[in-house]
Every structure is written in C-alpha cells, then in structure tokens.
Amino acid sequence: MSATPRPPHNETEGGLCRAVRHYKWLARFNNWLLWFVYFVAIAASVFSTLAAATSRLQPGVLGAVIAALPGAAVLLNNTFRFDAHWLWHREKRARLEALLRLSRAGAPSTSAAEVAESWNRIELEMEHTRPGLGKLPTPPTTESP
C-alpha cells in the first residue's frame, strides 16, 4: 500500500505544507550550491596543478583565471555561507514538518489556531538564528595616535 499524502485538512495546514516544500527546496538548493562551489574549487585546483606540472597551459589570462577559481570559490562560500543556510533551512523544514505531522495526526492542541500559533513561534525563533552574509575581507586600518 502506497503512502500518499492526504490533502490539507484546513487552510493553515495547506500553508504549512507549502512552507515545508519551500524550505525543503531552499535547503536542497543551498546544498547543491555548496557542493558545486567545492567541486569547481577542487577541479580548478587539480587542473591548474596538472597544467603547471606538465607545462601544457601557457601563462596568460586563462591560466590566471583557472588558478584564481579555488580562491574565488572559498570567497564565495565564506561570503554567502551556503553551508549555514543549508543547515538553517533544513532545521526550519524539520520543525515545520514536525508541526504538520502533529496536525495531521490529530494530536491534542492541534486546532488550526493552535497550529498557527506554534507556526508563528517557530518563525520568530528561527528568524533570530537566520544566518546572514559572511564578512568580506577588508584591509587593515591604521589609527592615528
């Protein structure tokens, strides 16, 4: 017997279903970006090392771009923090999904109003832990005495 999701019981549950799907997609997207950036960094590093070792790549713009890719990938990941966003979206999806399961199971205190209240509490709690952008490197400043 196949376990198919049942239709939402009420409007709050429908919104919760959409939110769970949305944060699941965001978590996967950030995970994909994280792995893509790592792959580009590793591939560029290997390629530039092999090209330099075998003298196949002539010095020039292409060689410089390929050699710069690992550093650019690290800078991208440190700035956009794909790993932190991936974990944050996973946690939010898991918390909303747990609330959805309680609602669907008909657990005590899962009326539409109580589910909405719990959902609002989760939103507020998670907003305080949302990762922002990382800090870009800045040149040191000198202070005058």
Protein backbone atom coordinates (compact mmCIF):
# COMPACT_ATOMS: atom_id res chain seq x y z
CA MET A 1 0.00 0.00 0.00
CA SER A 2 1.47 3.33 -1.05
CA ALA A 3 1.63 6.17 1.44
CA THR A 4 0.25 9.15 -0.43
CA PRO A 5 -0.02 12.48 1.31
CA ARG A 6 -3.57 13.37 2.13
CA PRO A 7 -4.94 16.75 1.12
CA PRO A 8 -4.66 19.56 3.68
CA HIS A 9 -7.32 19.49 6.36
CA ASN A 10 -7.62 23.28 6.57
CA GLU A 11 -6.08 26.47 5.23
CA THR A 12 -3.41 26.59 7.95
CA GLU A 13 -2.34 23.04 7.19
CA GLY A 14 -2.21 23.85 3.47
CA GLY A 15 0.05 26.82 4.14
CA LEU A 16 2.22 24.66 6.36
CA CYS A 17 2.53 22.07 3.56
CA ARG A 18 3.65 24.79 1.14
CA ALA A 19 6.16 26.15 3.68
CA VAL A 20 7.63 22.67 4.23
CA ARG A 21 8.06 22.19 0.47
CA HIS A 22 9.57 25.68 0.12
CA TYR A 23 12.18 25.21 2.85
CA LYS A 24 12.98 21.71 1.61
CA TRP A 25 13.69 23.20 -1.83
CA LEU A 26 15.82 26.01 -0.33
CA ALA A 27 17.82 23.50 1.72
CA ARG A 28 18.48 21.36 -1.34
CA PHE A 29 19.39 24.41 -3.43
CA ASN A 30 21.91 25.67 -0.87
CA ASN A 31 23.35 22.16 -0.54
CA TRP A 32 23.68 21.93 -4.31
CA LEU A 33 25.40 25.34 -4.44
CA LEU A 34 27.77 24.31 -1.66
CA TRP A 35 28.82 21.14 -3.45
CA PHE A 36 29.05 22.93 -6.81
CA VAL A 37 31.38 25.58 -5.37
CA TYR A 38 33.54 22.88 -3.75
CA PHE A 39 33.65 20.88 -6.98
CA VAL A 40 34.71 23.92 -9.02
CA ALA A 41 37.41 24.74 -6.47
CA ILE A 42 38.80 21.21 -6.44
CA ALA A 43 38.59 20.74 -10.21
CA ALA A 44 40.28 24.08 -10.90
CA SER A 45 43.00 23.33 -8.37
CA VAL A 46 43.70 19.91 -9.87
CA PHE A 47 43.59 21.24 -13.43
CA SER A 48 45.89 24.18 -12.77
CA THR A 49 48.35 21.96 -10.87
CA LEU A 50 48.46 19.38 -13.67
CA ALA A 51 48.73 22.09 -16.32
CA ALA A 52 51.63 23.74 -14.49
CA ALA A 53 53.35 20.40 -13.85
CA THR A 54 53.12 19.31 -17.49
CA SER A 55 53.67 22.79 -18.98
CA ARG A 56 50.54 22.33 -21.08
CA LEU A 57 48.98 25.62 -20.09
CA GLN A 58 50.73 28.70 -21.36
CA PRO A 59 50.87 31.61 -18.93
CA GLY A 60 48.14 34.06 -19.72
CA VAL A 61 44.62 35.07 -18.87
CA LEU A 62 43.14 31.55 -18.97
CA GLY A 63 45.80 30.18 -16.65
CA ALA A 64 45.31 33.06 -14.25
CA VAL A 65 41.54 32.59 -14.22
CA ILE A 66 41.80 28.86 -13.59
CA ALA A 67 44.38 29.40 -10.83
CA ALA A 68 42.11 32.01 -9.21
CA LEU A 69 39.00 29.80 -9.16
CA PRO A 70 39.77 27.98 -5.87
CA GLY A 71 40.26 31.27 -4.06
CA ALA A 72 37.10 32.69 -5.62
CA ALA A 73 35.18 29.59 -4.54
CA VAL A 74 36.37 29.96 -0.95
CA LEU A 75 35.46 33.65 -1.01
CA LEU A 76 32.00 32.84 -2.42
CA ASN A 77 31.32 30.22 0.23
CA ASN A 78 32.61 32.41 3.06
CA THR A 79 30.52 35.33 1.85
CA PHE A 80 27.24 33.61 1.01
CA ARG A 81 27.64 30.87 3.65
CA PHE A 82 25.85 28.16 1.68
CA ASP A 83 26.61 25.60 4.41
CA ALA A 84 25.00 27.70 7.17
CA HIS A 85 21.96 28.47 5.01
CA TRP A 86 21.58 24.80 4.11
CA LEU A 87 21.57 23.78 7.77
CA TRP A 88 19.20 26.61 8.73
CA HIS A 89 16.68 25.71 6.02
CA ARG A 90 16.91 22.02 6.98
CA GLU A 91 16.18 22.81 10.61
CA LYS A 92 13.27 25.08 9.75
CA ARG A 93 11.79 22.47 7.40
CA ALA A 94 12.16 19.79 10.08
CA ARG A 95 10.43 21.91 12.72
CA LEU A 96 7.58 22.84 10.38
CA GLU A 97 7.26 19.23 9.21
CA ALA A 98 7.01 18.03 12.82
CA LEU A 99 4.20 20.54 13.38
CA LEU A 100 2.49 19.36 10.22
CA ARG A 101 2.70 15.72 11.36
CA LEU A 102 1.14 16.65 14.71
CA SER A 103 -1.64 18.47 12.92
CA ARG A 104 -2.31 15.58 10.55
CA ALA A 105 -2.25 13.05 13.36
CA GLY A 106 -4.96 14.97 15.18
CA ALA A 107 -2.85 15.33 18.31
CA PRO A 108 -4.31 17.26 21.23
CA SER A 109 -3.91 21.04 20.94
CA THR A 110 -3.64 20.97 17.15
CA SER A 111 -6.62 23.07 16.16
CA ALA A 112 -5.96 25.41 13.26
CA ALA A 113 -5.47 28.33 15.67
CA GLU A 114 -3.01 26.38 17.86
CA VAL A 115 -1.07 25.19 14.83
CA ALA A 116 -0.90 28.77 13.56
CA GLU A 117 0.33 29.93 16.97
CA SER A 118 3.03 27.26 17.05
CA TRP A 119 3.99 28.11 13.48
CA ASN A 120 4.33 31.79 14.41
CA ARG A 121 6.52 30.85 17.38
CA ILE A 122 8.76 28.73 15.13
CA GLU A 123 9.02 31.59 12.63
CA LEU A 124 10.06 34.05 15.35
CA GLU A 125 12.57 31.67 16.93
CA MET A 126 14.12 30.74 13.60
CA GLU A 127 14.37 34.36 12.44
CA HIS A 128 16.77 35.05 15.32
CA THR A 129 19.12 32.30 14.13
CA ARG A 130 18.96 33.02 10.40
CA PRO A 131 22.49 33.21 9.02
CA GLY A 132 23.40 36.40 7.25
CA LEU A 133 26.12 37.03 4.78
CA GLY A 134 29.68 36.48 5.84
CA LYS A 135 32.11 39.34 6.14
CA LEU A 136 34.21 40.32 3.19
CA PRO A 137 37.88 40.76 3.90
CA THR A 138 38.78 44.38 4.50
CA PRO A 139 42.19 45.99 4.53
CA PRO A 140 43.57 46.79 7.97
CA THR A 141 43.13 50.34 9.10
CA THR A 142 45.70 52.34 10.95
CA GLU A 143 44.64 54.58 13.73
CA SER A 144 46.48 57.77 14.38
CA PRO A 145 47.62 58.34 17.98
